[in-house]
Amino acid sequence: MEEDFLSKLTRRMVNAFMDIIILSKLEITERESEVTGYNLMKLINKKFNILVGTGTVYAVLYSMERKGLICSSLKGRRRIYKLTDQGEQVIQSLSASNLTSSNLIEALSLN
């Protein structure tokens, strides 16, 4: 039962913070390799042991692109995603804020 709860909680957190997961992945790997939506789905599966649908990932990517956090370009049949300057600023702000999951859980606690 506890394992089921943790699995569902992980899925909810990944869905809620997918934009931050994507920004972090783009920041880390942008210099090393090309990042596609498929790469992001594999990363989430490997790191969090959950499967996310293509519609979920691509909806977040398109939303982030409209907000100016990322940009994309076509390379053959693949769409490659990169951070924009605005996306870099968001990542830097998050890093500077010292926000951690334990801080978030403590803030949400009713104690």
N, C-alpha and C. Protein backbone atom coordinates (compact mmCIF):
# COMPACT_ATOMS: atom_id res chain seq x y z
N MET A 1 0.82 -1.19 0.00
CA MET A 1 0.00 0.00 0.00
C MET A 1 0.86 1.26 0.00
N GLU A 2 1.89 1.28 0.86
CA GLU A 2 2.78 2.44 0.93
C GLU A 2 3.51 2.63 -0.39
N GLU A 3 3.93 1.53 -1.00
CA GLU A 3 4.63 1.60 -2.28
C GLU A 3 3.73 2.17 -3.36
N ASP A 4 2.46 1.78 -3.35
CA ASP A 4 1.49 2.29 -4.30
C ASP A 4 1.30 3.79 -4.11
N PHE A 5 1.22 4.23 -2.86
CA PHE A 5 1.08 5.65 -2.56
C PHE A 5 2.29 6.42 -3.08
N LEU A 6 3.49 5.91 -2.81
CA LEU A 6 4.71 6.59 -3.26
C LEU A 6 4.79 6.64 -4.78
N SER A 7 4.37 5.59 -5.44
CA SER A 7 4.36 5.56 -6.89
C SER A 7 3.42 6.63 -7.45
N LYS A 8 2.24 6.71 -6.87
CA LYS A 8 1.27 7.72 -7.32
C LYS A 8 1.76 9.14 -7.01
N LEU A 9 2.39 9.30 -5.86
CA LEU A 9 2.93 10.61 -5.49
C LEU A 9 4.04 11.02 -6.46
N THR A 10 4.90 10.08 -6.80
CA THR A 10 5.98 10.36 -7.76
C THR A 10 5.39 10.81 -9.10
N ARG A 11 4.39 10.10 -9.56
CA ARG A 11 3.74 10.45 -10.84
C ARG A 11 3.15 11.87 -10.78
N ARG A 12 2.46 12.17 -9.67
CA ARG A 12 1.88 13.51 -9.51
C ARG A 12 2.95 14.59 -9.51
N MET A 13 4.06 14.33 -8.82
CA MET A 13 5.13 15.33 -8.75
C MET A 13 5.81 15.51 -10.10
N VAL A 14 6.03 14.42 -10.81
CA VAL A 14 6.64 14.52 -12.14
C VAL A 14 5.74 15.32 -13.06
N ASN A 15 4.45 15.03 -13.05
CA ASN A 15 3.52 15.78 -13.89
C ASN A 15 3.46 17.25 -13.50
N ALA A 16 3.47 17.53 -12.21
CA ALA A 16 3.38 18.91 -11.73
C ALA A 16 4.64 19.71 -12.03
N PHE A 17 5.79 19.06 -11.97
CA PHE A 17 7.05 19.77 -12.14
C PHE A 17 7.78 19.39 -13.43
N MET A 18 7.04 18.90 -14.41
CA MET A 18 7.67 18.46 -15.64
C MET A 18 8.42 19.60 -16.34
N ASP A 19 7.91 20.82 -16.26
CA ASP A 19 8.61 21.94 -16.89
C ASP A 19 9.99 22.16 -16.25
N ILE A 20 10.06 22.02 -14.95
CA ILE A 20 11.36 22.19 -14.27
C ILE A 20 12.28 21.03 -14.60
N ILE A 21 11.75 19.83 -14.68
CA ILE A 21 12.56 18.66 -15.07
C ILE A 21 13.13 18.88 -16.47
N ILE A 22 12.30 19.37 -17.38
CA ILE A 22 12.75 19.61 -18.76
C ILE A 22 13.81 20.70 -18.80
N LEU A 23 13.57 21.81 -18.10
CA LEU A 23 14.57 22.89 -18.09
C LEU A 23 15.91 22.39 -17.55
N SER A 24 15.86 21.61 -16.48
CA SER A 24 17.10 21.08 -15.89
C SER A 24 17.83 20.16 -16.87
N LYS A 25 17.08 19.30 -17.53
CA LYS A 25 17.69 18.38 -18.50
C LYS A 25 18.31 19.15 -19.65
N LEU A 26 17.61 20.16 -20.15
CA LEU A 26 18.16 20.96 -21.25
C LEU A 26 19.42 21.70 -20.82
N GLU A 27 19.42 22.20 -19.60
CA GLU A 27 20.61 22.91 -19.11
C GLU A 27 21.81 21.98 -19.03
N ILE A 28 21.60 20.77 -18.55
CA ILE A 28 22.69 19.82 -18.35
C ILE A 28 23.21 19.27 -19.67
N THR A 29 22.33 18.88 -20.56
CA THR A 29 22.76 18.14 -21.75
C THR A 29 22.84 18.97 -23.02
N GLU A 30 22.40 20.21 -22.97
CA GLU A 30 22.37 21.03 -24.18
C GLU A 30 23.74 21.11 -24.85
N ARG A 31 24.76 21.20 -24.06
CA ARG A 31 26.11 21.34 -24.63
C ARG A 31 26.65 20.01 -25.15
N GLU A 32 26.15 18.91 -24.60
CA GLU A 32 26.69 17.59 -24.92
C GLU A 32 25.96 16.90 -26.07
N SER A 33 24.64 17.02 -26.13
CA SER A 33 23.87 16.29 -27.13
C SER A 33 22.59 17.02 -27.45
N GLU A 34 21.90 16.52 -28.44
CA GLU A 34 20.63 17.09 -28.84
C GLU A 34 19.51 16.45 -28.03
N VAL A 35 18.55 17.27 -27.60
CA VAL A 35 17.46 16.78 -26.77
C VAL A 35 16.17 16.84 -27.57
N THR A 36 15.50 15.69 -27.66
CA THR A 36 14.21 15.59 -28.33
C THR A 36 13.14 15.23 -27.29
N GLY A 37 11.88 15.31 -27.68
CA GLY A 37 10.80 14.90 -26.79
C GLY A 37 10.95 13.44 -26.38
N TYR A 38 11.36 12.61 -27.33
CA TYR A 38 11.55 11.19 -27.04
C TYR A 38 12.66 11.00 -26.00
N ASN A 39 13.77 11.76 -26.13
CA ASN A 39 14.84 11.68 -25.14
C ASN A 39 14.33 12.03 -23.74
N LEU A 40 13.46 13.04 -23.68
CA LEU A 40 12.92 13.46 -22.39
C LEU A 40 12.03 12.38 -21.77
N MET A 41 11.23 11.73 -22.61
CA MET A 41 10.39 10.64 -22.10
C MET A 41 11.24 9.49 -21.57
N LYS A 42 12.32 9.16 -22.28
CA LYS A 42 13.22 8.09 -21.80
C LYS A 42 13.88 8.49 -20.49
N LEU A 43 14.29 9.74 -20.37
CA LEU A 43 14.92 10.23 -19.14
C LEU A 43 13.97 10.10 -17.96
N ILE A 44 12.74 10.54 -18.14
CA ILE A 44 11.76 10.49 -17.05
C ILE A 44 11.49 9.04 -16.66
N ASN A 45 11.40 8.16 -17.66
CA ASN A 45 11.19 6.75 -17.36
C ASN A 45 12.36 6.18 -16.58
N LYS A 46 13.57 6.50 -17.01
CA LYS A 46 14.77 5.96 -16.36
C LYS A 46 14.94 6.52 -14.94
N LYS A 47 14.75 7.81 -14.79
CA LYS A 47 15.01 8.47 -13.51
C LYS A 47 13.91 8.22 -12.48
N PHE A 48 12.64 8.22 -12.93
CA PHE A 48 11.53 8.13 -11.99
C PHE A 48 10.75 6.82 -12.08
N ASN A 49 11.12 5.97 -13.03
CA ASN A 49 10.48 4.68 -13.22
C ASN A 49 8.97 4.79 -13.48
N ILE A 50 8.61 5.80 -14.27
CA ILE A 50 7.22 5.95 -14.69
C ILE A 50 7.19 6.23 -16.19
N LEU A 51 6.11 5.83 -16.82
CA LEU A 51 5.92 6.11 -18.23
C LEU A 51 5.01 7.33 -18.37
N VAL A 52 5.47 8.31 -19.14
CA VAL A 52 4.62 9.46 -19.42
C VAL A 52 4.27 9.42 -20.91
N GLY A 53 3.09 9.84 -21.21
CA GLY A 53 2.62 9.81 -22.59
C GLY A 53 3.23 10.91 -23.43
N THR A 54 3.25 10.66 -24.72
CA THR A 54 3.78 11.67 -25.64
C THR A 54 2.98 12.96 -25.55
N GLY A 55 1.67 12.84 -25.41
CA GLY A 55 0.82 14.02 -25.32
C GLY A 55 1.17 14.88 -24.12
N THR A 56 1.51 14.25 -23.02
CA THR A 56 1.88 14.98 -21.81
C THR A 56 3.17 15.76 -22.01
N VAL A 57 4.19 15.08 -22.51
CA VAL A 57 5.50 15.72 -22.69
C VAL A 57 5.43 16.82 -23.75
N TYR A 58 4.82 16.52 -24.88
CA TYR A 58 4.80 17.51 -25.96
C TYR A 58 3.91 18.70 -25.62
N ALA A 59 2.86 18.50 -24.85
CA ALA A 59 2.03 19.63 -24.41
C ALA A 59 2.85 20.59 -23.55
N VAL A 60 3.66 20.04 -22.66
CA VAL A 60 4.52 20.87 -21.81
C VAL A 60 5.58 21.57 -22.66
N LEU A 61 6.19 20.84 -23.59
CA LEU A 61 7.21 21.44 -24.46
C LEU A 61 6.63 22.61 -25.27
N TYR A 62 5.46 22.41 -25.86
CA TYR A 62 4.84 23.47 -26.66
C TYR A 62 4.50 24.68 -25.78
N SER A 63 4.01 24.43 -24.58
CA SER A 63 3.69 25.51 -23.66
C SER A 63 4.94 26.30 -23.28
N MET A 64 6.02 25.58 -23.00
CA MET A 64 7.28 26.24 -22.64
C MET A 64 7.83 27.04 -23.81
N GLU A 65 7.63 26.53 -25.01
CA GLU A 65 8.10 27.23 -26.20
C GLU A 65 7.31 28.53 -26.39
N ARG A 66 6.00 28.46 -26.19
CA ARG A 66 5.17 29.67 -26.31
C ARG A 66 5.53 30.71 -25.26
N LYS A 67 5.97 30.26 -24.09
CA LYS A 67 6.36 31.18 -23.02
C LYS A 67 7.77 31.74 -23.22
N GLY A 68 8.49 31.21 -24.19
CA GLY A 68 9.83 31.70 -24.47
C GLY A 68 10.93 31.09 -23.63
N LEU A 69 10.63 29.98 -22.93
CA LEU A 69 11.63 29.34 -22.08
C LEU A 69 12.55 28.42 -22.88
N ILE A 70 12.03 27.87 -23.97
CA ILE A 70 12.81 26.99 -24.84
C ILE A 70 12.51 27.35 -26.29
N CYS A 71 13.36 26.89 -27.17
CA CYS A 71 13.11 27.03 -28.61
C CYS A 71 13.40 25.68 -29.24
N SER A 72 12.90 25.51 -30.45
CA SER A 72 13.12 24.23 -31.12
C SER A 72 13.49 24.48 -32.57
N SER A 73 14.11 23.46 -33.13
CA SER A 73 14.44 23.49 -34.55
C SER A 73 14.29 22.08 -35.10
N LEU A 74 13.99 21.99 -36.36
CA LEU A 74 13.85 20.69 -37.00
C LEU A 74 15.19 20.24 -37.54
N LYS A 75 15.50 18.98 -37.28
CA LYS A 75 16.70 18.36 -37.83
C LYS A 75 16.24 17.03 -38.42
N GLY A 76 16.01 17.03 -39.72
CA GLY A 76 15.41 15.86 -40.34
C GLY A 76 13.97 15.77 -39.87
N ARG A 77 13.60 14.64 -39.30
CA ARG A 77 12.25 14.46 -38.78
C ARG A 77 12.16 14.74 -37.28
N ARG A 78 13.29 15.07 -36.68
CA ARG A 78 13.31 15.28 -35.22
C ARG A 78 13.26 16.76 -34.88
N ARG A 79 12.59 17.07 -33.80
CA ARG A 79 12.56 18.43 -33.28
C ARG A 79 13.52 18.48 -32.09
N ILE A 80 14.51 19.36 -32.20
CA ILE A 80 15.54 19.51 -31.17
C ILE A 80 15.20 20.71 -30.30
N TYR A 81 15.25 20.53 -28.98
CA TYR A 81 14.89 21.60 -28.04
C TYR A 81 16.14 22.15 -27.37
N LYS A 82 16.13 23.48 -27.18
CA LYS A 82 17.23 24.17 -26.51
C LYS A 82 16.66 25.22 -25.57
N LEU A 83 17.44 25.54 -24.55
CA LEU A 83 17.06 26.61 -23.63
C LEU A 83 17.22 27.96 -24.31
N THR A 84 16.36 28.90 -23.98
CA THR A 84 16.53 30.28 -24.39
C THR A 84 17.20 31.02 -23.24
N ASP A 85 17.54 32.27 -23.46
CA ASP A 85 18.11 33.08 -22.37
C ASP A 85 17.12 33.18 -21.21
N GLN A 86 15.85 33.32 -21.53
CA GLN A 86 14.82 33.39 -20.49
C GLN A 86 14.75 32.08 -19.71
N GLY A 87 14.86 30.95 -20.39
CA GLY A 87 14.88 29.66 -19.71
C GLY A 87 16.08 29.51 -18.79
N GLU A 88 17.24 30.00 -19.27
CA GLU A 88 18.46 29.99 -18.43
C GLU A 88 18.24 30.81 -17.16
N GLN A 89 17.60 31.98 -17.30
CA GLN A 89 17.34 32.83 -16.14
C GLN A 89 16.43 32.14 -15.14
N VAL A 90 15.43 31.42 -15.63
CA VAL A 90 14.52 30.69 -14.73
C VAL A 90 15.29 29.63 -13.95
N ILE A 91 16.14 28.87 -14.64
CA ILE A 91 16.95 27.84 -13.97
C ILE A 91 17.86 28.47 -12.93
N GLN A 92 18.49 29.58 -13.27
CA GLN A 92 19.37 30.26 -12.31
C GLN A 92 18.59 30.76 -11.10
N SER A 93 17.40 31.29 -11.33
CA SER A 93 16.55 31.76 -10.23
C SER A 93 16.14 30.60 -9.32
N LEU A 94 15.79 29.47 -9.92
CA LEU A 94 15.43 28.30 -9.12
C LEU A 94 16.61 27.81 -8.29
N SER A 95 17.78 27.79 -8.90
CA SER A 95 18.98 27.36 -8.17
C SER A 95 19.28 28.30 -7.02
N ALA A 96 19.13 29.58 -7.25
CA ALA A 96 19.42 30.58 -6.22
C ALA A 96 18.39 30.58 -5.10
N SER A 97 17.18 30.10 -5.39
CA SER A 97 16.10 30.16 -4.39
C SER A 97 16.28 29.12 -3.28
N ASN A 98 17.13 28.13 -3.50
CA ASN A 98 17.37 27.10 -2.49
C ASN A 98 16.13 26.27 -2.22
N LEU A 99 15.22 26.21 -3.18
CA LEU A 99 14.01 25.42 -3.02
C LEU A 99 14.35 23.94 -3.16
N THR A 100 14.02 23.17 -2.14
CA THR A 100 14.24 21.73 -2.19
C THR A 100 12.93 21.03 -1.88
N SER A 101 12.87 19.76 -2.20
CA SER A 101 11.65 19.01 -1.92
C SER A 101 11.37 18.96 -0.42
N SER A 102 12.41 18.86 0.40
CA SER A 102 12.16 18.82 1.85
C SER A 102 11.64 20.16 2.34
N ASN A 103 12.13 21.27 1.77
CA ASN A 103 11.60 22.58 2.14
C ASN A 103 10.13 22.70 1.74
N LEU A 104 9.80 22.18 0.57
CA LEU A 104 8.42 22.23 0.07
C LEU A 104 7.50 21.40 0.97
N ILE A 105 7.94 20.20 1.31
CA ILE A 105 7.12 19.35 2.19
C ILE A 105 6.93 20.00 3.54
N GLU A 106 7.98 20.60 4.08
CA GLU A 106 7.87 21.29 5.36
C GLU A 106 6.90 22.47 5.27
N ALA A 107 6.95 23.21 4.18
CA ALA A 107 6.07 24.36 4.00
C ALA A 107 4.62 23.91 3.88
N LEU A 108 4.37 22.75 3.29
CA LEU A 108 3.02 22.25 3.11
C LEU A 108 2.47 21.57 4.35
N SER A 109 3.34 21.27 5.29
CA SER A 109 2.92 20.58 6.51
C SER A 109 1.97 21.45 7.33
N LEU A 110 1.04 20.80 7.98
CA LEU A 110 0.05 21.52 8.78
C LEU A 110 0.50 21.70 10.22
N ASN A 111 1.71 21.32 10.54
CA ASN A 111 2.21 21.45 11.92
C ASN A 111 2.46 22.89 12.28
